PDB file of N, CA and C in Angstrom:
ATOM      1  N   UNK A   1       1.310  -1.542   0.282  1.00  0.00           N
ATOM      2  CA  UNK A   1      -0.155  -0.528   0.170  1.00  0.00           C
ATOM      3  C   UNK A   1       0.285   1.247   0.011  1.00  0.00           C
ATOM      4  N   UNK A   2       0.353   2.115  -0.566  1.00  0.00           N
ATOM      5  CA  UNK A   2       1.530   3.706  -1.326  1.00  0.00           C
ATOM      6  C   UNK A   2       0.691   4.063   0.013  1.00  0.00           C
ATOM      7  N   UNK A   3       1.950   5.064   1.136  1.00  0.00           N
ATOM      8  CA  UNK A   3       1.559   6.175   1.794  1.00  0.00           C
ATOM      9  C   UNK A   3       2.543   7.321   1.216  1.00  0.00           C
ATOM     10  N   UNK A   4       2.076   8.671   1.031  1.00  0.00           N
ATOM     11  CA  UNK A   4       1.823   9.487   1.029  1.00  0.00           C
ATOM     12  C   UNK A   4       2.537  10.860   2.628  1.00  0.00           C
ATOM     13  N   UNK A   5       3.957  11.077   2.532  1.00  0.00           N
ATOM     14  CA  UNK A   5       4.053  12.340   3.346  1.00  0.00           C
ATOM     15  C   UNK A   5       4.154  13.150   2.764  1.00  0.00           C
ATOM     16  N   UNK A   6       4.198  14.231   3.572  1.00  0.00           N
ATOM     17  CA  UNK A   6       4.555  15.840   2.748  1.00  0.00           C
ATOM     18  C   UNK A   6       6.026  16.176   4.036  1.00  0.00           C
ATOM     19  N   UNK A   7       6.612  16.594   3.220  1.00  0.00           N
ATOM     20  CA  UNK A   7       8.107  16.845   3.736  1.00  0.00           C
ATOM     21  C   UNK A   7       8.088  18.882   3.439  1.00  0.00           C
ATOM     22  N   UNK A   8       7.727  19.696   3.783  1.00  0.00           N
ATOM     23  CA  UNK A   8       7.679  21.077   3.816  1.00  0.00           C
ATOM     24  C   UNK A   8       9.484  21.251   3.577  1.00  0.00           C
ATOM     25  N   UNK A   9       9.649  22.635   2.078  1.00  0.00           N
ATOM     26  CA  UNK A   9      11.309  22.799   1.924  1.00  0.00           C
ATOM     27  C   UNK A   9      10.829  24.303   0.700  1.00  0.00           C
ATOM     28  N   UNK A  10      12.009  25.101   1.564  1.00  0.00           N
ATOM     29  CA  UNK A  10      12.148  26.812   1.145  1.00  0.00           C
ATOM     30  C   UNK A  10      11.508  26.485  -0.248  1.00  0.00           C
ATOM     31  N   UNK A  11      10.441  27.593  -0.649  1.00  0.00           N
ATOM     32  CA  UNK A  11      10.580  27.289  -2.277  1.00  0.00           C
ATOM     33  C   UNK A  11      11.707  27.524  -2.835  1.00  0.00           C
ATOM     34  N   UNK A  12      11.646  27.686  -4.016  1.00  0.00           N
ATOM     35  CA  UNK A  12      12.658  27.486  -4.652  1.00  0.00           C
ATOM     36  C   UNK A  12      12.919  28.664  -5.728  1.00  0.00           C
ATOM     37  N   UNK A  13      11.637  29.305  -6.174  1.00  0.00           N
ATOM     38  CA  UNK A  13      10.759  30.489  -6.999  1.00  0.00           C
ATOM     39  C   UNK A  13      11.594  31.581  -5.771  1.00  0.00           C
ATOM     40  N   UNK A  14      11.522  31.638  -4.484  1.00  0.00           N
ATOM     41  CA  UNK A  14      11.547  33.074  -3.596  1.00  0.00           C
ATOM     42  C   UNK A  14      12.068  32.179  -2.776  1.00  0.00           C
ATOM     43  N   UNK A  15      12.953  31.635  -2.929  1.00  0.00           N
ATOM     44  CA  UNK A  15      13.858  31.189  -1.885  1.00  0.00           C
ATOM     45  C   UNK A  15      13.953  31.293  -0.142  1.00  0.00           C
ATOM     46  N   UNK A  16      12.474  31.019   0.331  1.00  0.00           N
ATOM     47  CA  UNK A  16      12.081  30.979   1.413  1.00  0.00           C
ATOM     48  C   UNK A  16      11.717  32.285   1.837  1.00  0.00           C
ATOM     49  N   UNK A  17      11.471  33.852   1.152  1.00  0.00           N
ATOM     50  CA  UNK A  17      10.959  34.710   1.506  1.00  0.00           C
ATOM     51  C   UNK A  17       9.946  35.093   1.329  1.00  0.00           C
ATOM     52  N   UNK A  18       8.618  34.530   0.777  1.00  0.00           N
ATOM     53  CA  UNK A  18       7.364  34.817   0.781  1.00  0.00           C
ATOM     54  C   UNK A  18       6.965  35.850  -0.910  1.00  0.00           C
ATOM     55  N   UNK A  19       8.277  36.897  -0.669  1.00  0.00           N
ATOM     56  CA  UNK A  19       8.285  37.406  -2.102  1.00  0.00           C
ATOM     57  C   UNK A  19       9.599  37.763  -3.175  1.00  0.00           C
ATOM     58  N   UNK A  20       9.238  38.312  -4.550  1.00  0.00           N
ATOM     59  CA  UNK A  20      10.893  38.230  -4.932  1.00  0.00           C
ATOM     60  C   UNK A  20      10.547  39.983  -5.081  1.00  0.00           C
ATOM     61  N   UNK A  21      11.882  40.847  -5.301  1.00  0.00           N
ATOM     62  CA  UNK A  21      12.235  42.091  -5.577  1.00  0.00           C
ATOM     63  C   UNK A  21      12.211  42.226  -7.547  1.00  0.00           C
ATOM     64  N   UNK A  22      11.038  42.869  -7.751  1.00  0.00           N
ATOM     65  CA  UNK A  22      10.369  43.791  -9.341  1.00  0.00           C
ATOM     66  C   UNK A  22      12.058  44.425 -10.073  1.00  0.00           C
ATOM     67  N   UNK A  23      12.551  44.051 -10.909  1.00  0.00           N
ATOM     68  CA  UNK A  23      12.968  45.141 -11.696  1.00  0.00           C
ATOM     69  C   UNK A  23      12.911  46.435 -11.395  1.00  0.00           C
ATOM     70  N   UNK A  24      12.562  47.257 -11.282  1.00  0.00           N
ATOM     71  CA  UNK A  24      11.593  48.221 -11.143  1.00  0.00           C
ATOM     72  C   UNK A  24      11.573  48.687 -10.017  1.00  0.00           C
ATOM     73  N   UNK A  25      11.913  48.133  -8.416  1.00  0.00           N
ATOM     74  CA  UNK A  25      11.521  48.644  -8.194  1.00  0.00           C
ATOM     75  C   UNK A  25      10.685  48.248  -7.272  1.00  0.00           C
ATOM     76  N   UNK A  26       9.822  48.037  -5.953  1.00  0.00           N
ATOM     77  CA  UNK A  26       8.989  47.094  -5.288  1.00  0.00           C
ATOM     78  C   UNK A  26       8.900  45.812  -5.397  1.00  0.00           C
ATOM     79  N   UNK A  27       8.038  45.404  -5.035  1.00  0.00           N
ATOM     80  CA  UNK A  27       8.204  43.299  -5.101  1.00  0.00           C
ATOM     81  C   UNK A  27       6.766  42.952  -4.721  1.00  0.00           C
ATOM     82  N   UNK A  28       6.853  41.857  -4.640  1.00  0.00           N
ATOM     83  CA  UNK A  28       5.991  41.046  -5.316  1.00  0.00           C
ATOM     84  C   UNK A  28       5.041  40.012  -4.032  1.00  0.00           C
ATOM     85  N   UNK A  29       4.174  39.434  -3.569  1.00  0.00           N
ATOM     86  CA  UNK A  29       4.196  38.198  -3.109  1.00  0.00           C
ATOM     87  C   UNK A  29       4.343  36.423  -4.558  1.00  0.00           C
ATOM     88  N   UNK A  30       5.073  35.865  -3.921  1.00  0.00           N
ATOM     89  CA  UNK A  30       5.374  35.145  -4.672  1.00  0.00           C
ATOM     90  C   UNK A  30       3.831  34.141  -5.574  1.00  0.00           C
ATOM     91  N   UNK A  31       4.156  33.832  -6.070  1.00  0.00           N
ATOM     92  CA  UNK A  31       2.930  33.322  -7.244  1.00  0.00           C
ATOM     93  C   UNK A  31       2.822  31.944  -6.983  1.00  0.00           C
ATOM     94  N   UNK A  32       4.289  31.304  -6.833  1.00  0.00           N
ATOM     95  CA  UNK A  32       4.710  29.694  -6.402  1.00  0.00           C
ATOM     96  C   UNK A  32       3.977  29.703  -5.029  1.00  0.00           C
ATOM     97  N   UNK A  33       4.221  29.765  -3.758  1.00  0.00           N
ATOM     98  CA  UNK A  33       3.828  29.372  -2.391  1.00  0.00           C
ATOM     99  C   UNK A  33       2.796  30.343  -2.245  1.00  0.00           C
ATOM    100  N   UNK A  34       2.544  31.603  -2.223  1.00  0.00           N
ATOM    101  CA  UNK A  34       1.597  32.170  -1.855  1.00  0.00           C
ATOM    102  C   UNK A  34       1.893  32.943  -1.003  1.00  0.00           C
ATOM    103  N   UNK A  35       3.027  33.962  -0.216  1.00  0.00           N
ATOM    104  CA  UNK A  35       3.708  34.128   0.348  1.00  0.00           C
ATOM    105  C   UNK A  35       4.185  33.415   1.502  1.00  0.00           C
ATOM    106  N   UNK A  36       4.153  31.565   1.438  1.00  0.00           N
ATOM    107  CA  UNK A  36       4.447  30.948   2.878  1.00  0.00           C
ATOM    108  C   UNK A  36       5.968  30.813   3.257  1.00  0.00           C
ATOM    109  N   UNK A  37       6.369  31.303   1.419  1.00  0.00           N
ATOM    110  CA  UNK A  37       8.231  30.748   1.968  1.00  0.00           C
ATOM    111  C   UNK A  37       7.901  29.248   1.679  1.00  0.00           C
ATOM    112  N   UNK A  38       7.136  28.550   2.293  1.00  0.00           N
ATOM    113  CA  UNK A  38       7.375  26.453   2.058  1.00  0.00           C
ATOM    114  C   UNK A  38       6.951  26.306   1.007  1.00  0.00           C
ATOM    115  N   UNK A  39       7.346  24.880  -0.178  1.00  0.00           N
ATOM    116  CA  UNK A  39       6.405  24.877  -0.959  1.00  0.00           C
ATOM    117  C   UNK A  39       6.370  23.441  -0.525  1.00  0.00           C
ATOM    118  N   UNK A  40       5.210  22.571   0.026  1.00  0.00           N
ATOM    119  CA  UNK A  40       4.721  21.335   0.373  1.00  0.00           C
ATOM    120  C   UNK A  40       5.179  20.146  -0.605  1.00  0.00           C
ATOM    121  N   UNK A  41       6.221  19.091  -1.000  1.00  0.00           N
ATOM    122  CA  UNK A  41       6.207  17.992  -1.687  1.00  0.00           C
ATOM    123  C   UNK A  41       5.743  16.777  -1.127  1.00  0.00           C
ATOM    124  N   UNK A  42       4.282  16.567  -1.770  1.00  0.00           N
ATOM    125  CA  UNK A  42       4.084  14.872  -1.762  1.00  0.00           C
ATOM    126  C   UNK A  42       5.181  13.327  -2.732  1.00  0.00           C
ATOM    127  N   UNK A  43       4.903  12.791  -1.333  1.00  0.00           N
ATOM    128  CA  UNK A  43       6.403  11.871  -2.066  1.00  0.00           C
ATOM    129  C   UNK A  43       5.196  10.057  -2.035  1.00  0.00           C
ATOM    130  N   UNK A  44       4.962  10.096  -2.582  1.00  0.00           N
ATOM    131  CA  UNK A  44       4.513   8.275  -2.671  1.00  0.00           C
ATOM    132  C   UNK A  44       5.000   7.612  -2.384  1.00  0.00           C
ATOM    133  N   UNK A  45       5.649   6.264  -1.554  1.00  0.00           N
ATOM    134  CA  UNK A  45       6.751   5.639  -0.831  1.00  0.00           C
ATOM    135  C   UNK A  45       5.491   4.417  -0.970  1.00  0.00           C
TER     136      UNK A  45
END
């Protein structure tokens, strides 16, 4: 039987900050992690 586990790692898009800097100034919430800074990876074992 397959078992799913969740492990949290830093979001690779924003490096765990939850936002990224725009080139022309300012910042924006990371669309990949919705500002949490963490990305949940689901593994099936």
